[in-house]
Every structure is written in C-alpha cells, then in structure tokens.
C-alpha cells in the first residue's frame, strides 16, 4: 500500500510539472508581411503598416484600452481605408466571408457597415498579443498571434484591437496566460529588431466607452493627437505631449475611477499581479499626489488586499508635495483655448463635470458647492445634509488628455464643436466586440496638420 501511494504521488508530481510547463503556441506577425490566408487580398489597397517602427518599452505587460499613448498615429496618408473594407464586406460576391467575419465580431451581417463606422485606425506602439483569424475553405480559423509594433489596426470604443487593417482579418482579445507563450517566427515573419518576449503587451477593455483616443505621433513623439472614436484622422486635434501634469490624489477611489482620472490627465495607470477588479479600493499611488509627469508616463496604483482597510494610503501617497484632486496651475487648461468652449463632449482638466461633486476646488482649494454653506436659510427644524462622496465620478471616458493644443496650419477651425454624450454606465471586463463603437465629435481645438 505504501509503495502504491508513493507511485501515485510521483505520478501526480510529474503530471503537475508537465502542466506547469505547457506553453501556448503564438504565431508572430511582422509589419508589412502579407498573410497566407487573409479575408481581404493584401495588396496594400486596404491598409499599410509602419515597417520601421521599433517597439516601445511598455509600462507593464497588461494595459487597458484607455491608456494614453498606448497607440500611435501619423500625419501621412491613411493607414486604413475604412470605406473600402465596408464595400468589400457588403459586396454580395463576398457574402460567405461577411458571414464568417460578422460571426467572429458577434454581430449579424447586416450590421457590418455600422460596426465598422465605429472603429478607429491606429498604429501599434508595442508588440501586442491578440487572437487573430485567417480565412480558410469558407471558414474563419482562429489562432493566437503576436502583432509587431507598427502594424495598423482598427480599435473599438473600448480601445481593443478589432481588425488588422492590411488584410481585414477580425481580431479579438488574447485570452491566455501571456507568461506561458511560445512565439514562432515562420512564413516570412522573421524576428524583428527590438523584439523581447518579456515586453509584449496584452490589452484589456477600458473601464468605460471612449469618446476619443490619445495617440502619440510616431514621427514626432513630442506631438500628441486626439482622435475622436469612429474617425480616420480628418478630425484630429494636436496637443503638446511634453507638457507636465500633476498626479491627482486617488486614495479612496475605486480602481476604475482612479485609472479613468489619470487617463483624463494624460497619465497611464499601471498595476501588478493582474488587473484589479474595477471596484477595488485604491490605497495609494507611486509617485504620489502633486508629482509632475509628462503625457503617457505611468502612475502605479496600489489597491486594498483582503482584510486591509480601504483608504489607507501607503507612504508613496503621503508626499510633501501638493495634494490636489484636480489639475494644478501647470495644467494646460490655464490660459488654453478651451476655457470658452462648451464642455458637453466630455470632462476637461478641471476634473468631473459640474453635475458631479469633486474633492477639491482647483481654484480655491476649498469645498465645492455640494458642501452646506452658512448663507443657506434655516427653518424651524434642523436640516440634514448627506455627506458628499470623496470619489469623483466621470460620466464619460476618454484616453485623451484634457488639453488640446491649437495648430496654426488649418484656417478652417472657427469655433467649438458639439458632440454626443457617451454612455455613462461602465462596461464589463469582456471585450465588447459585438456592438459598434460609438462615434464622437472631436475635442475642442483646431485640427492637426493632416490625417493620420
């Protein structure tokens, strides 16, 4: 009996070791290399990649779709011909391809055109893991792939890659452990310069639907591009990516609220040990409040563990610097052209919109109007005042920084534009590829030099 138990235990250990060593095969897809089984013939007419763009070192291997600077843009000709893709998939001669394409996306074929209208062309700045799809023998065939930085993709309103521009192949989120992958370079996809397995990126949905995406100009990293979701570059607004933004106080916020607040200021939220739940209480940040960072730089958020008292900040959140919830005086809204613009298209650098209470008044440092005041008329019975929450909420989401730097090359911009409000309810953590992304008008400001 003892011998039998010993044999069973040894077998269990061996099987456990085999399970731990199991790796997931991932096919490398290099920029500019045609697919062997594309949905759309890869002749350069649908989209083009930036073949000389080296991968940027990411803040972390897991990033949310609203991370400022996650994607790139360019002033060159369009990297993705959205109209041509729609024409191809709605052509009756391509009915079977359209059925399979729509099935992967999670929509019916008659909704393809509207769905594509809600997507936004960008360039990958990091080597990115996705679930790709070839078209073979009338069927969409899924395979895990690593897309090289510089590849042009269409992203949805949660910031998730949805289509590979050059071939029209639908994309989905990578759903395996990125620590257990085995990348193969074959079929003409040679290992590219700058490739590091430890620096690949997996993208998760933004906490809320995006109105616009904050891009980095791949030809000029000091120039940022605000691109409205559902546009292809014709409504771009440029901004200065070198300006500094103060880290806000995030202790006591939920993780979703904190990452959204940082995104509004043009800062990236990072985390460790996997993506925290959206309602996890943030206990602090590194660097702490008041620290000045440029666009796209990272702030590491810590969240409460089980049994830890929410709202207890670590040492990094009790710095001697200013502790303000809103932007400091260095924030680009001061003196910027947006002071006279309408704010119906989303939050500005002043923090949440006026319909929501804020923690601090960025101008006076005092309480907001939601606090009871001494001038309020009293009655014969005591009044009760509900305490306001210390956690600002944001009705709309955007990866874009709050400020838009005007450009002087386009004389056509004459004033503010209007925009539709986006949904205020948070999305789930699953990719929302079944619905078309919401379109939005550009943020206030003047257009960039050219389409990207």
Protein backbone atom coordinates (compact mmCIF):
# COMPACT_ATOMS: atom_id res chain seq x y z
CA UNK A 1 0.00 0.00 0.00
CA UNK A 2 2.83 2.38 0.89
CA UNK A 3 4.58 1.61 -2.39
CA UNK A 4 1.38 2.21 -4.36
CA UNK A 5 0.85 5.57 -2.67
CA UNK A 6 4.44 6.53 -3.43
CA UNK A 7 3.97 5.68 -7.11
CA UNK A 8 0.74 7.68 -7.29
CA UNK A 9 2.37 10.66 -5.60
CA UNK A 10 5.31 10.56 -8.01
CA UNK A 11 2.91 10.41 -10.98
CA UNK A 12 0.98 13.39 -9.62
CA UNK A 13 4.18 15.41 -9.28
CA UNK A 14 5.22 14.54 -12.86
CA UNK A 15 1.80 15.47 -14.26
CA UNK A 16 1.82 18.71 -12.29
CA UNK A 17 5.24 19.59 -13.69
CA UNK A 18 4.05 18.90 -17.24
CA UNK A 19 1.01 21.12 -16.74
CA UNK A 20 3.14 23.98 -15.44
CA UNK A 21 5.50 23.71 -18.41
CA UNK A 22 2.74 23.74 -21.01
CA UNK A 23 3.19 26.66 -23.41
CA UNK A 24 0.69 28.22 -25.80
CA UNK A 25 1.80 28.49 -29.41
CA UNK A 26 1.71 32.05 -30.75
CA UNK A 27 2.45 32.96 -34.37
CA UNK A 28 4.49 36.09 -34.91
CA UNK A 29 3.05 38.54 -37.46
CA UNK A 30 5.60 41.08 -38.70
CA UNK A 31 4.70 44.52 -40.04
CA UNK A 32 4.36 44.59 -43.81
CA UNK A 33 4.34 40.79 -44.27
CA UNK A 34 1.21 39.54 -46.12
CA UNK A 35 -0.95 36.87 -44.55
CA UNK A 36 -1.17 33.50 -46.32
CA UNK A 37 -4.94 33.24 -45.79
CA UNK A 38 -6.40 36.76 -45.44
CA UNK A 39 -10.05 37.81 -45.59
CA UNK A 40 -9.07 40.62 -47.96
CA UNK A 41 -6.32 40.38 -50.58
CA UNK A 42 -3.26 42.02 -49.04
CA UNK A 43 -2.17 44.23 -51.93
CA UNK A 44 -1.75 47.48 -49.98
CA UNK A 45 -5.09 48.90 -51.05
CA UNK A 46 -6.81 48.34 -47.72
CA UNK A 47 -4.13 49.40 -45.24
CA UNK A 48 -0.40 49.86 -44.74
CA UNK A 49 1.88 49.25 -41.77
CA UNK A 50 4.82 51.32 -40.49
CA UNK A 51 7.60 48.82 -41.10
CA UNK A 52 10.38 50.84 -39.45
CA UNK A 53 8.69 51.48 -36.11
CA UNK A 54 10.60 49.82 -33.27
CA UNK A 55 8.56 48.52 -30.30
CA UNK A 56 8.36 50.90 -27.35
CA UNK A 57 9.14 49.54 -23.91
CA UNK A 58 5.73 49.22 -22.19
CA UNK A 59 4.90 50.34 -18.65
CA UNK A 60 3.56 46.85 -17.98
CA UNK A 61 2.55 43.73 -19.88
CA UNK A 62 -1.15 44.32 -19.19
CA UNK A 63 -2.72 47.61 -20.24
CA UNK A 64 -6.22 48.99 -20.53
CA UNK A 65 -7.59 50.33 -23.79
CA UNK A 66 -7.86 53.89 -22.47
CA UNK A 67 -4.13 54.14 -21.64
CA UNK A 68 -2.82 57.45 -23.07
CA UNK A 69 -0.10 56.83 -25.64
CA UNK A 70 -0.86 53.12 -25.97
CA UNK A 71 -1.32 53.63 -29.72
CA UNK A 72 0.32 55.82 -32.32
CA UNK A 73 -0.81 57.99 -35.19
CA UNK A 74 0.77 59.65 -38.19
CA UNK A 75 0.25 62.64 -40.48
CA UNK A 76 0.88 60.51 -43.53
CA UNK A 77 -1.82 59.16 -45.80
CA UNK A 78 -4.50 56.95 -44.25
CA UNK A 79 -3.19 53.74 -42.74
CA UNK A 80 -6.58 52.05 -43.12
CA UNK A 81 -9.22 52.53 -45.81
CA UNK A 82 -12.39 52.00 -43.79
CA UNK A 83 -14.72 52.70 -46.73
CA UNK A 84 -13.01 50.09 -48.87
CA UNK A 85 -13.33 47.49 -46.11
CA UNK A 86 -17.06 48.23 -45.82
CA UNK A 87 -17.54 47.96 -49.57
CA UNK A 88 -15.75 44.63 -49.64
CA UNK A 89 -17.69 43.04 -46.80
CA UNK A 90 -21.07 44.31 -48.05
CA UNK A 91 -20.47 43.14 -51.63
CA UNK A 92 -22.87 40.24 -52.39
CA UNK A 93 -19.97 38.34 -54.01
CA UNK A 94 -18.29 38.18 -50.58
CA UNK A 95 -21.39 37.04 -48.70
CA UNK A 96 -19.74 33.98 -47.11
CA UNK A 97 -16.72 35.95 -45.93
CA UNK A 98 -19.05 38.57 -44.49
CA UNK A 99 -20.99 35.90 -42.58
CA UNK A 100 -17.83 34.49 -41.03
CA UNK A 101 -16.42 37.96 -40.33
CA UNK A 102 -19.65 39.02 -38.58
CA UNK A 103 -19.77 35.76 -36.61
CA UNK A 104 -16.33 36.41 -35.14
CA UNK A 105 -17.24 40.01 -34.33
CA UNK A 106 -20.53 38.89 -32.77
CA UNK A 107 -22.96 40.78 -34.99
CA UNK A 108 -25.27 39.98 -37.89
CA UNK A 109 -24.01 40.64 -41.44
CA UNK A 110 -26.47 43.50 -41.94
CA UNK A 111 -24.78 45.41 -39.10
CA UNK A 112 -21.25 45.24 -40.51
CA UNK A 113 -21.30 48.70 -42.04
CA UNK A 114 -22.44 50.44 -38.85
CA UNK A 115 -19.99 48.45 -36.76
CA UNK A 116 -17.02 49.46 -38.93
CA UNK A 117 -18.12 53.09 -38.78
CA UNK A 118 -17.49 53.00 -35.02
CA UNK A 119 -13.89 51.76 -35.32
CA UNK A 120 -10.76 53.94 -35.25
CA UNK A 121 -7.49 53.38 -37.17
CA UNK A 122 -4.27 53.49 -35.11
CA UNK A 123 -0.73 52.08 -35.17
CA UNK A 124 0.51 49.63 -32.56
CA UNK A 125 3.40 51.04 -30.50
CA UNK A 126 4.06 47.75 -28.71
CA UNK A 127 4.32 44.12 -29.78
CA UNK A 128 0.76 43.10 -28.97
CA UNK A 129 -0.88 39.72 -28.29
CA UNK A 130 -4.26 39.11 -29.95
CA UNK A 131 -6.48 36.31 -31.18
CA UNK A 132 -6.23 36.54 -34.96
CA UNK A 133 -8.34 34.87 -37.67
CA UNK A 134 -7.44 33.55 -41.10
CA UNK A 135 -9.99 32.68 -43.78
CA UNK A 136 -9.64 29.06 -44.96
CA UNK A 137 -12.08 26.96 -47.01
CA UNK A 138 -15.01 29.24 -46.29
CA UNK A 139 -14.41 29.42 -42.53
CA UNK A 140 -12.73 31.79 -40.11
CA UNK A 141 -9.90 29.94 -38.37
CA UNK A 142 -8.72 31.37 -35.05
CA UNK A 143 -5.08 31.42 -33.98
CA UNK A 144 -3.12 33.30 -31.34
CA UNK A 145 -0.67 35.80 -32.75
CA UNK A 146 1.81 38.47 -31.75
CA UNK A 147 1.44 41.62 -33.87
CA UNK A 148 4.59 43.65 -34.33
CA UNK A 149 4.67 47.33 -33.38
CA UNK A 150 3.90 49.44 -36.46
CA UNK A 151 1.02 47.26 -37.65
CA UNK A 152 -2.10 49.26 -38.45
CA UNK A 153 -5.28 48.12 -36.70
CA UNK A 154 -8.81 49.33 -36.14
CA UNK A 155 -9.75 49.57 -32.47
CA UNK A 156 -13.23 49.68 -30.95
CA UNK A 157 -14.61 52.13 -28.38
CA UNK A 158 -13.04 50.15 -25.54
CA UNK A 159 -9.59 50.56 -27.06
CA UNK A 160 -9.35 46.90 -28.15
CA UNK A 161 -7.81 45.86 -31.50
CA UNK A 162 -10.71 44.71 -33.70
CA UNK A 163 -9.38 44.47 -37.29
CA UNK A 164 -5.93 44.13 -38.88
CA UNK A 165 -6.06 46.87 -41.49
CA UNK A 166 -3.90 45.41 -44.26
CA UNK A 167 -5.92 42.19 -44.66
CA UNK A 168 -9.26 42.83 -42.95
CA UNK A 169 -8.82 39.91 -40.55
CA UNK A 170 -11.01 40.29 -37.43
CA UNK A 171 -9.18 40.38 -34.08
CA UNK A 172 -10.20 39.51 -30.54
CA UNK A 173 -8.56 39.83 -27.14
CA UNK A 174 -5.82 37.41 -26.18
CA UNK A 175 -7.36 35.14 -23.54
CA UNK A 176 -4.42 33.01 -22.36
CA UNK A 177 -1.60 33.49 -19.87
CA UNK A 178 0.98 35.76 -21.57
CA UNK A 179 3.63 34.31 -19.27
CA UNK A 180 3.19 30.88 -20.90
CA UNK A 181 3.58 31.57 -24.61
CA UNK A 182 5.92 30.18 -27.21
CA UNK A 183 6.31 32.61 -30.14
CA UNK A 184 7.17 31.10 -33.53
CA UNK A 185 8.60 33.10 -36.42
CA UNK A 186 7.68 31.47 -39.74
CA UNK A 187 6.04 32.03 -43.16
CA UNK A 188 8.26 35.03 -43.86
CA UNK A 189 7.72 36.59 -40.44
CA UNK A 190 11.32 36.89 -39.27
CA UNK A 191 12.22 38.01 -35.78
CA UNK A 192 12.24 41.80 -35.87
CA UNK A 193 14.62 44.28 -34.28
CA UNK A 194 13.62 45.22 -30.75
CA UNK A 195 11.62 42.05 -30.08
CA UNK A 196 11.70 40.99 -26.43
CA UNK A 197 9.35 38.29 -25.19
CA UNK A 198 9.24 39.94 -21.78
CA UNK A 199 7.94 43.22 -23.27
CA UNK A 200 4.88 42.04 -25.19
CA UNK A 201 1.54 43.65 -24.29
CA UNK A 202 -1.95 42.29 -23.67
CA UNK A 203 -4.78 44.83 -23.88
CA UNK A 204 -7.91 44.74 -21.72
CA UNK A 205 -11.09 46.83 -22.21
CA UNK A 206 -11.24 50.42 -20.98
CA UNK A 207 -13.48 50.88 -17.91
CA UNK A 208 -15.93 52.93 -19.99
CA UNK A 209 -16.54 53.56 -23.68
CA UNK A 210 -14.11 56.06 -25.13
CA UNK A 211 -15.03 59.30 -26.88
CA UNK A 212 -11.55 59.88 -28.26
CA UNK A 213 -8.16 58.21 -28.19
CA UNK A 214 -4.93 59.96 -27.20
CA UNK A 215 -2.21 58.94 -29.67
CA UNK A 216 1.49 59.67 -29.94
CA UNK A 217 2.68 60.90 -33.33
CA UNK A 218 5.10 58.14 -34.39
CA UNK A 219 7.06 60.66 -36.48
CA UNK A 220 7.26 63.26 -33.69
CA UNK A 221 6.92 61.82 -30.14
CA UNK A 222 6.61 65.33 -28.68
CA UNK A 223 3.35 65.77 -30.58
CA UNK A 224 0.13 64.16 -29.39
CA UNK A 225 -3.02 63.51 -31.38
CA UNK A 226 -6.57 63.49 -30.02
CA UNK A 227 -8.59 61.31 -32.40
CA UNK A 228 -12.38 61.01 -31.95
CA UNK A 229 -13.58 57.41 -31.90
CA UNK A 230 -15.02 56.44 -35.28
CA UNK A 231 -12.92 58.96 -37.24
CA UNK A 232 -9.96 58.27 -39.51
CA UNK A 233 -7.79 61.33 -38.96
CA UNK A 234 -9.85 64.06 -40.58
CA UNK A 235 -10.98 65.32 -37.14
CA UNK A 236 -7.64 65.01 -35.34
CA UNK A 237 -6.58 67.67 -32.83
CA UNK A 238 -2.93 68.13 -31.92
CA UNK A 239 -1.56 68.80 -28.45
CA UNK A 240 1.84 69.25 -26.82
CA UNK A 241 2.90 65.87 -25.43
CA UNK A 242 5.77 67.43 -23.45
CA UNK A 243 3.59 69.37 -21.01
CA UNK A 244 3.59 68.26 -17.39
CA UNK A 245 0.53 67.02 -15.50
CA UNK A 246 0.22 66.73 -11.73
CA UNK A 247 -0.62 63.31 -10.28
CA UNK A 248 -4.01 63.65 -8.53
CA UNK A 249 -4.87 62.16 -5.14
CA UNK A 250 -6.52 58.82 -5.86
CA UNK A 251 -6.66 57.25 -2.39
CA UNK A 252 -10.19 56.12 -1.61
CA UNK A 253 -11.29 55.95 -5.26
CA UNK A 254 -12.17 52.67 -6.89
CA UNK A 255 -9.60 51.31 -9.31
CA UNK A 256 -11.79 52.17 -12.33
CA UNK A 257 -12.30 55.73 -11.09
CA UNK A 258 -8.60 56.23 -10.41
CA UNK A 259 -7.45 54.84 -13.76
CA UNK A 260 -10.07 56.96 -15.52
CA UNK A 261 -8.99 60.11 -13.68
CA UNK A 262 -5.36 59.51 -14.62
CA UNK A 263 -6.37 58.88 -18.23
CA UNK A 264 -8.16 62.23 -18.37
CA UNK A 265 -4.91 63.92 -17.36
CA UNK A 266 -2.92 62.02 -19.98
CA UNK A 267 -1.26 59.66 -17.48
CA UNK A 268 -1.11 55.87 -17.61
CA UNK A 269 -2.28 53.67 -14.74
CA UNK A 270 -0.16 50.61 -14.01
CA UNK A 271 -0.66 47.76 -11.58
CA UNK A 272 0.87 44.45 -10.60
CA UNK A 273 -0.37 40.90 -10.13
CA UNK A 274 -3.08 41.07 -12.77
CA UNK A 275 -5.84 43.58 -13.42
CA UNK A 276 -7.64 44.51 -10.16
CA UNK A 277 -11.41 44.47 -10.03
CA UNK A 278 -12.98 47.76 -11.03
CA UNK A 279 -14.43 48.39 -7.56
CA UNK A 280 -11.22 47.60 -5.67
CA UNK A 281 -10.32 50.43 -3.27
CA UNK A 282 -7.16 52.32 -4.21
CA UNK A 283 -4.82 52.80 -1.24
CA UNK A 284 -2.22 54.98 -2.90
CA UNK A 285 -0.05 55.77 -5.90
CA UNK A 286 3.60 55.89 -6.85
CA UNK A 287 4.60 58.62 -7.48
CA UNK A 288 2.36 60.44 -5.03
CA UNK A 289 -0.02 63.39 -5.48
CA UNK A 290 1.39 66.57 -6.95
CA UNK A 291 4.25 64.89 -8.83
CA UNK A 292 4.64 66.38 -12.30
CA UNK A 293 4.73 63.90 -15.18
CA UNK A 294 4.58 64.33 -18.95
CA UNK A 295 1.93 62.79 -21.19
CA UNK A 296 1.87 59.00 -21.20
CA UNK A 297 4.08 58.50 -18.14
CA UNK A 298 2.93 55.89 -15.63
CA UNK A 299 1.46 56.02 -12.14
CA UNK A 300 1.46 52.71 -10.24
CA UNK A 301 -1.77 52.18 -8.30
CA UNK A 302 -1.96 50.01 -5.19
CA UNK A 303 -5.27 48.53 -4.08
CA UNK A 304 -6.56 47.13 -0.80
CA UNK A 305 -5.89 43.47 -0.16
CA UNK A 306 -8.35 41.22 1.62
CA UNK A 307 -8.60 42.40 5.20
CA UNK A 308 -6.84 45.69 4.51
CA UNK A 309 -8.69 48.82 5.49
CA UNK A 310 -9.70 50.70 2.29
CA UNK A 311 -8.47 54.26 2.07
CA UNK A 312 -5.25 53.67 3.98
CA UNK A 313 -2.55 55.26 1.83
CA UNK A 314 0.95 53.85 1.59
CA UNK A 315 3.97 56.08 2.17
CA UNK A 316 4.09 56.96 -1.52
CA UNK A 317 0.71 58.68 -1.24
CA UNK A 318 1.69 60.97 1.63
CA UNK A 319 4.31 63.00 -0.13
CA UNK A 320 5.23 66.52 0.88
CA UNK A 321 4.10 67.76 -2.49
CA UNK A 322 0.73 69.37 -3.15
CA UNK A 323 -2.21 67.01 -2.75
CA UNK A 324 -4.89 68.12 -5.10
CA UNK A 325 -7.61 66.11 -6.73
CA UNK A 326 -7.75 68.37 -9.70
CA UNK A 327 -5.14 69.77 -12.03
CA UNK A 328 -2.51 72.14 -10.75
CA UNK A 329 -1.81 75.55 -12.17
CA UNK A 330 0.58 73.94 -14.61
CA UNK A 331 -2.26 72.01 -16.16
CA UNK A 332 -2.77 73.04 -19.75
CA UNK A 333 -6.29 74.32 -19.17
CA UNK A 334 -4.99 77.52 -17.67
CA UNK A 335 -4.73 80.03 -20.44
CA UNK A 336 -5.72 77.46 -23.05
CA UNK A 337 -8.33 77.99 -25.74
CA UNK A 338 -10.73 75.55 -24.11
CA UNK A 339 -11.88 77.99 -21.40
CA UNK A 340 -14.62 79.38 -23.60
CA UNK A 341 -15.51 76.11 -25.28
CA UNK A 342 -18.59 74.11 -24.37
CA UNK A 343 -17.87 71.04 -22.23
CA UNK A 344 -20.74 68.81 -23.37
CA UNK A 345 -18.42 66.41 -25.14
CA UNK A 346 -16.73 65.15 -22.01
CA UNK A 347 -14.73 66.08 -18.96
CA UNK A 348 -11.96 68.64 -19.09
CA UNK A 349 -8.87 69.08 -16.95
CA UNK A 350 -10.96 70.70 -14.25
CA UNK A 351 -11.99 67.20 -13.28
CA UNK A 352 -15.51 65.83 -13.29
CA UNK A 353 -18.31 67.77 -14.90
CA UNK A 354 -20.37 70.15 -12.87
CA UNK A 355 -23.07 67.57 -12.31
CA UNK A 356 -20.82 65.56 -10.03
CA UNK A 357 -19.24 66.59 -6.75
CA UNK A 358 -15.47 66.95 -6.65
CA UNK A 359 -13.00 66.62 -3.82
CA UNK A 360 -11.22 69.94 -4.10
CA UNK A 361 -11.87 73.16 -5.86
CA UNK A 362 -8.84 73.58 -8.12
CA UNK A 363 -9.14 77.36 -7.96
CA UNK A 364 -9.66 77.99 -4.27
CA UNK A 365 -8.72 74.75 -2.58
CA UNK A 366 -11.94 74.96 -0.61
CA UNK A 367 -15.03 72.81 -0.58
CA UNK A 368 -17.27 72.58 -3.59
CA UNK A 369 -20.85 73.79 -3.81
CA UNK A 370 -22.06 70.41 -2.66
CA UNK A 371 -20.97 71.35 0.89
CA UNK A 372 -23.59 73.13 3.03
CA UNK A 373 -22.92 76.88 3.34
CA UNK A 374 -23.62 79.36 6.11
CA UNK A 375 -25.89 81.53 3.94
CA UNK A 376 -28.43 78.78 3.46
CA UNK A 377 -31.81 79.80 5.00
CA UNK A 378 -32.79 77.73 8.00
CA UNK A 379 -36.20 76.52 9.09
CA UNK A 380 -37.68 75.67 12.39
CA UNK A 381 -36.39 72.15 12.25
CA UNK A 382 -32.85 71.09 11.68
CA UNK A 383 -31.79 70.32 8.20
CA UNK A 384 -29.89 67.19 7.34
CA UNK A 385 -27.13 67.15 4.84
CA UNK A 386 -25.95 63.99 3.23
CA UNK A 387 -22.15 63.86 3.09
CA UNK A 388 -20.74 64.23 -0.32
CA UNK A 389 -18.57 61.49 -1.68
CA UNK A 390 -14.85 61.99 -1.88
CA UNK A 391 -14.68 59.97 -5.03
CA UNK A 392 -15.23 61.88 -8.26
CA UNK A 393 -17.05 60.04 -10.94
CA UNK A 394 -16.87 60.60 -14.63
CA UNK A 395 -19.90 60.17 -16.88
CA UNK A 396 -17.84 59.65 -19.99
CA UNK A 397 -14.48 58.16 -20.74
CA UNK A 398 -11.57 59.15 -22.86
CA UNK A 399 -7.97 58.14 -23.19
CA UNK A 400 -7.30 61.65 -24.42
CA UNK A 401 -5.54 64.24 -22.26
CA UNK A 402 -7.82 67.13 -21.34
CA UNK A 403 -5.96 69.77 -23.27
CA UNK A 404 -5.80 70.36 -26.97
CA UNK A 405 -3.01 72.47 -28.34
CA UNK A 406 -4.17 74.50 -31.34
CA UNK A 407 -2.32 74.24 -34.61
CA UNK A 408 -1.94 77.16 -36.90
CA UNK A 409 -1.89 75.43 -40.24
CA UNK A 410 -5.58 74.88 -40.75
CA UNK A 411 -7.63 78.06 -41.00
CA UNK A 412 -10.94 76.26 -41.18
CA UNK A 413 -11.43 75.76 -37.50
CA UNK A 414 -13.58 78.60 -36.29
CA UNK A 415 -15.02 77.59 -33.00
CA UNK A 416 -16.22 74.90 -30.70
CA UNK A 417 -17.92 71.84 -31.99
CA UNK A 418 -20.66 69.83 -30.41
CA UNK A 419 -20.57 66.17 -29.52
CA UNK A 420 -22.92 63.48 -28.41
CA UNK A 421 -22.52 62.30 -24.83
CA UNK A 422 -21.47 58.73 -24.47
CA UNK A 423 -22.90 56.06 -22.27
CA UNK A 424 -22.29 56.59 -18.58
CA UNK A 425 -22.59 53.02 -17.45
CA UNK A 426 -19.32 51.08 -17.05
CA UNK A 427 -18.61 48.27 -19.38
CA UNK A 428 -17.81 44.73 -18.41
CA UNK A 429 -14.32 43.29 -18.48
CA UNK A 430 -15.11 41.25 -21.55
CA UNK A 431 -14.38 42.76 -24.97
CA UNK A 432 -17.49 44.41 -26.33
CA UNK A 433 -16.87 43.45 -29.88
CA UNK A 434 -20.49 42.70 -30.59
CA UNK A 435 -21.60 46.29 -30.73
CA UNK A 436 -20.38 49.10 -32.92
CA UNK A 437 -18.26 51.66 -31.20
CA UNK A 438 -19.85 54.97 -30.51
CA UNK A 439 -18.81 57.91 -32.60
CA UNK A 440 -17.92 61.23 -31.16
CA UNK A 441 -17.11 64.65 -32.42
CA UNK A 442 -13.60 65.99 -31.87
CA UNK A 443 -12.49 67.64 -28.71
CA UNK A 444 -12.36 71.43 -28.84
CA UNK A 445 -9.40 72.88 -30.59
CA UNK A 446 -8.04 73.26 -34.08
CA UNK A 447 -7.32 70.33 -36.36
CA UNK A 448 -3.89 68.82 -36.83
CA UNK A 449 -1.80 69.24 -39.91
CA UNK A 450 -3.10 66.22 -41.70
CA UNK A 451 -4.79 62.86 -41.32
CA UNK A 452 -3.08 60.03 -39.54
